[in-house]
C-alpha atoms as a PDB file:
ATOM      1  CA  MET A   1       5.071 -10.193  12.067  1.00  0.00           C
ATOM      2  CA  GLU A   2       1.900  -9.174  11.688  1.00  0.00           C
ATOM      3  CA  ASP A   3      -0.403  -9.661   8.384  1.00  0.00           C
ATOM      4  CA  PHE A   4      -3.157  -7.707   6.867  1.00  0.00           C
ATOM      5  CA  THR A   5      -4.778  -8.722   4.035  1.00  0.00           C
ATOM      6  CA  VAL A   6      -7.208  -6.721   1.943  1.00  0.00           C
ATOM      7  CA  THR A   7      -8.891  -7.100  -1.696  1.00  0.00           C
ATOM      8  CA  THR A   8      -9.561  -3.434  -3.208  1.00  0.00           C
ATOM      9  CA  PRO A   9      -9.359  -2.078  -6.375  1.00  0.00           C
ATOM     10  CA  LEU A  10      -6.115  -0.810  -8.148  1.00  0.00           C
ATOM     11  CA  TRP A  11      -6.243   2.986  -9.385  1.00  0.00           C
ATOM     12  CA  ARG A  12      -3.975   5.220 -10.819  1.00  0.00           C
ATOM     13  CA  TRP A  13      -3.032   8.884 -10.182  1.00  0.00           C
ATOM     14  CA  GLN A  14      -1.700  11.283 -12.437  1.00  0.00           C
ATOM     15  CA  SER A  15      -0.601  14.909 -12.022  1.00  0.00           C
ATOM     16  CA  ALA A  16      -1.657  17.063 -14.169  1.00  0.00           C
ATOM     17  CA  THR A  17       1.680  18.772 -15.204  1.00  0.00           C
ATOM     18  CA  ALA A  18       3.543  15.700 -15.282  1.00  0.00           C
ATOM     19  CA  PRO A  19       3.120  12.502 -17.718  1.00  0.00           C
ATOM     20  CA  ALA A  20       3.986   9.619 -15.430  1.00  0.00           C
ATOM     21  CA  ALA A  21       1.489   7.779 -13.371  1.00  0.00           C
ATOM     22  CA  TRP A  22       1.396   6.543 -10.098  1.00  0.00           C
ATOM     23  CA  PHE A  23      -0.522   3.301  -8.939  1.00  0.00           C
ATOM     24  CA  PHE A  24      -2.037   2.389  -5.581  1.00  0.00           C
ATOM     25  CA  LEU A  25      -4.127   0.218  -3.290  1.00  0.00           C
ATOM     26  CA  THR A  26      -6.269   1.816  -0.659  1.00  0.00           C
ATOM     27  CA  ILE A  27      -6.168   0.263   2.827  1.00  0.00           C
ATOM     28  CA  GLU A  28      -9.063   0.898   5.053  1.00  0.00           C
ATOM     29  CA  GLY A  29     -10.989  -0.248   7.920  1.00  0.00           C
ATOM     30  CA  ASP A  30      -9.798  -2.873  10.204  1.00  0.00           C
ATOM     31  CA  ALA A  31      -6.901  -3.612   8.078  1.00  0.00           C
ATOM     32  CA  ALA A  32      -5.730  -0.041   8.451  1.00  0.00           C
ATOM     33  CA  ASP A  33      -6.377   0.192  12.262  1.00  0.00           C
ATOM     34  CA  GLY A  34      -4.425  -3.173  12.689  1.00  0.00           C
ATOM     35  CA  ILE A  35      -1.472  -1.650  10.078  1.00  0.00           C
ATOM     36  CA  ARG A  36      -1.335   1.516  12.459  1.00  0.00           C
ATOM     37  CA  LEU A  37      -1.495  -0.078  15.634  1.00  0.00           C
ATOM     38  CA  ALA A  38       1.457  -2.814  14.853  1.00  0.00           C
ATOM     39  CA  ALA A  39       3.605   0.377  13.417  1.00  0.00           C
ATOM     40  CA  ILE A  40       2.997   2.175  16.346  1.00  0.00           C
ATOM     41  CA  GLY A  41       4.164  -0.805  18.406  1.00  0.00           C
ATOM     42  CA  GLY A  42       6.745  -1.960  16.381  1.00  0.00           C
ATOM     43  CA  GLN A  43       7.910   1.229  15.901  1.00  0.00           C
ATOM     44  CA  TRP A  44       8.137   0.655  12.076  1.00  0.00           C
ATOM     45  CA  LEU A  45       6.927   3.937  11.257  1.00  0.00           C
ATOM     46  CA  ASP A  46       9.389   6.243   9.696  1.00  0.00           C
ATOM     47  CA  GLY A  47       9.874   9.088  12.021  1.00  0.00           C
ATOM     48  CA  GLY A  48       8.243  11.842   9.851  1.00  0.00           C
ATOM     49  CA  LYS A  49      10.745  11.062   7.356  1.00  0.00           C
ATOM     50  CA  GLY A  50       8.038   9.470   4.937  1.00  0.00           C
ATOM     51  CA  PHE A  51       5.307  11.324   5.775  1.00  0.00           C
ATOM     52  CA  GLY A  52       4.103   8.954   8.752  1.00  0.00           C
ATOM     53  CA  SER A  53       4.853   6.139   6.475  1.00  0.00           C
ATOM     54  CA  ALA A  54       5.255   2.244   7.844  1.00  0.00           C
ATOM     55  CA  LYS A  55       7.702  -0.051   6.096  1.00  0.00           C
ATOM     56  CA  VAL A  56       6.224  -3.096   5.025  1.00  0.00           C
ATOM     57  CA  ARG A  57       6.492  -6.224   2.945  1.00  0.00           C
ATOM     58  CA  ALA A  58       3.980  -6.181   0.497  1.00  0.00           C
ATOM     59  CA  THR A  59       2.529  -9.591  -1.617  1.00  0.00           C
ATOM     60  CA  ILE A  60       0.277  -9.844  -4.395  1.00  0.00           C
ATOM     61  CA  GLY A  61      -0.153 -13.233  -5.803  1.00  0.00           C
ATOM     62  CA  ASP A  62       3.341 -14.730  -6.293  1.00  0.00           C
ATOM     63  CA  THR A  63       5.117 -11.410  -5.861  1.00  0.00           C
ATOM     64  CA  SER A  64       6.183  -9.986  -2.796  1.00  0.00           C
ATOM     65  CA  TRP A  65       8.387  -6.857  -2.401  1.00  0.00           C
ATOM     66  CA  ASN A  66       9.716  -4.437   0.688  1.00  0.00           C
ATOM     67  CA  THR A  67       8.014  -0.985   0.258  1.00  0.00           C
ATOM     68  CA  SER A  68       6.077   1.586   2.411  1.00  0.00           C
ATOM     69  CA  VAL A  69       2.505   2.190   2.923  1.00  0.00           C
ATOM     70  CA  PHE A  70       1.570   6.417   3.746  1.00  0.00           C
ATOM     71  CA  PRO A  71      -1.499   7.588   5.543  1.00  0.00           C
ATOM     72  CA  HIS A  72      -4.581   8.911   3.641  1.00  0.00           C
ATOM     73  CA  ARG A  73      -6.065  11.666   5.025  1.00  0.00           C
ATOM     74  CA  GLU A  74      -9.456  11.083   2.754  1.00  0.00           C
ATOM     75  CA  SER A  75     -10.038   7.580   3.392  1.00  0.00           C
ATOM     76  CA  GLY A  76      -8.066   7.550   7.114  1.00  0.00           C
ATOM     77  CA  GLY A  77      -6.437   4.722   5.789  1.00  0.00           C
ATOM     78  CA  TRP A  78      -2.998   3.703   3.836  1.00  0.00           C
ATOM     79  CA  LEU A  79      -1.757   4.102   0.566  1.00  0.00           C
ATOM     80  CA  LEU A  80      -0.089   1.128  -0.971  1.00  0.00           C
ATOM     81  CA  PRO A  81       1.967   2.307  -4.052  1.00  0.00           C
ATOM     82  CA  VAL A  82       2.268  -0.439  -6.825  1.00  0.00           C
ATOM     83  CA  LYS A  83       5.318  -0.670  -8.881  1.00  0.00           C
ATOM     84  CA  ALA A  84       4.948  -1.535 -12.598  1.00  0.00           C
ATOM     85  CA  SER A  85       7.012  -4.670 -12.275  1.00  0.00           C
ATOM     86  CA  VAL A  86       4.547  -6.093  -9.889  1.00  0.00           C
ATOM     87  CA  ARG A  87       1.781  -4.974 -11.971  1.00  0.00           C
ATOM     88  CA  LYS A  88       3.607  -6.659 -14.915  1.00  0.00           C
ATOM     89  CA  ALA A  89       3.998  -9.713 -13.204  1.00  0.00           C
ATOM     90  CA  GLU A  90       0.889 -10.438 -11.498  1.00  0.00           C
ATOM     91  CA  GLY A  91      -1.199  -8.993 -14.963  1.00  0.00           C
ATOM     92  CA  ILE A  92      -3.007  -6.516 -12.975  1.00  0.00           C
ATOM     93  CA  ALA A  93      -4.367  -2.966 -14.167  1.00  0.00           C
ATOM     94  CA  GLU A  94      -6.246  -0.294 -13.226  1.00  0.00           C
ATOM     95  CA  SER A  95      -9.708  -0.749 -11.369  1.00  0.00           C
ATOM     96  CA  ASP A  96      -8.664  -4.657 -10.950  1.00  0.00           C
ATOM     97  CA  ALA A  97      -9.845  -5.930  -7.523  1.00  0.00           C
ATOM     98  CA  VAL A  98      -6.410  -6.830  -5.960  1.00  0.00           C
ATOM     99  CA  THR A  99      -6.078  -9.219  -3.150  1.00  0.00           C
ATOM    100  CA  VAL A 100      -2.739  -7.780  -1.285  1.00  0.00           C
ATOM    101  CA  THR A 101      -0.911  -9.025   1.569  1.00  0.00           C
ATOM    102  CA  VAL A 102       0.970  -6.170   4.056  1.00  0.00           C
ATOM    103  CA  SER A 103       3.052  -7.653   6.670  1.00  0.00           C
ATOM    104  CA  LEU A 104       5.292  -5.674   9.305  1.00  0.00           C
END
């Protein structure tokens, strides 16, 4: 298993037509390249079923969960969705700098 740790701001995406919002961390640079290589080498990519996603285990503070990261065309990195239960448990909010470890 390989681990990649980054600190990046939590940001919110909201549709113009739906009331729900999604929160993400953007993983860029060397960590993004490492995730890509580890995912390809370990066959962790979702085979086209999940928009080129890679299955990971994410950890913020004391909270860990299984999820997927998704390719982010604009940055060349990955998007990590951060669900409400994680944000609440770790006391993080939009624009906070968040340290996350992604393992795959």
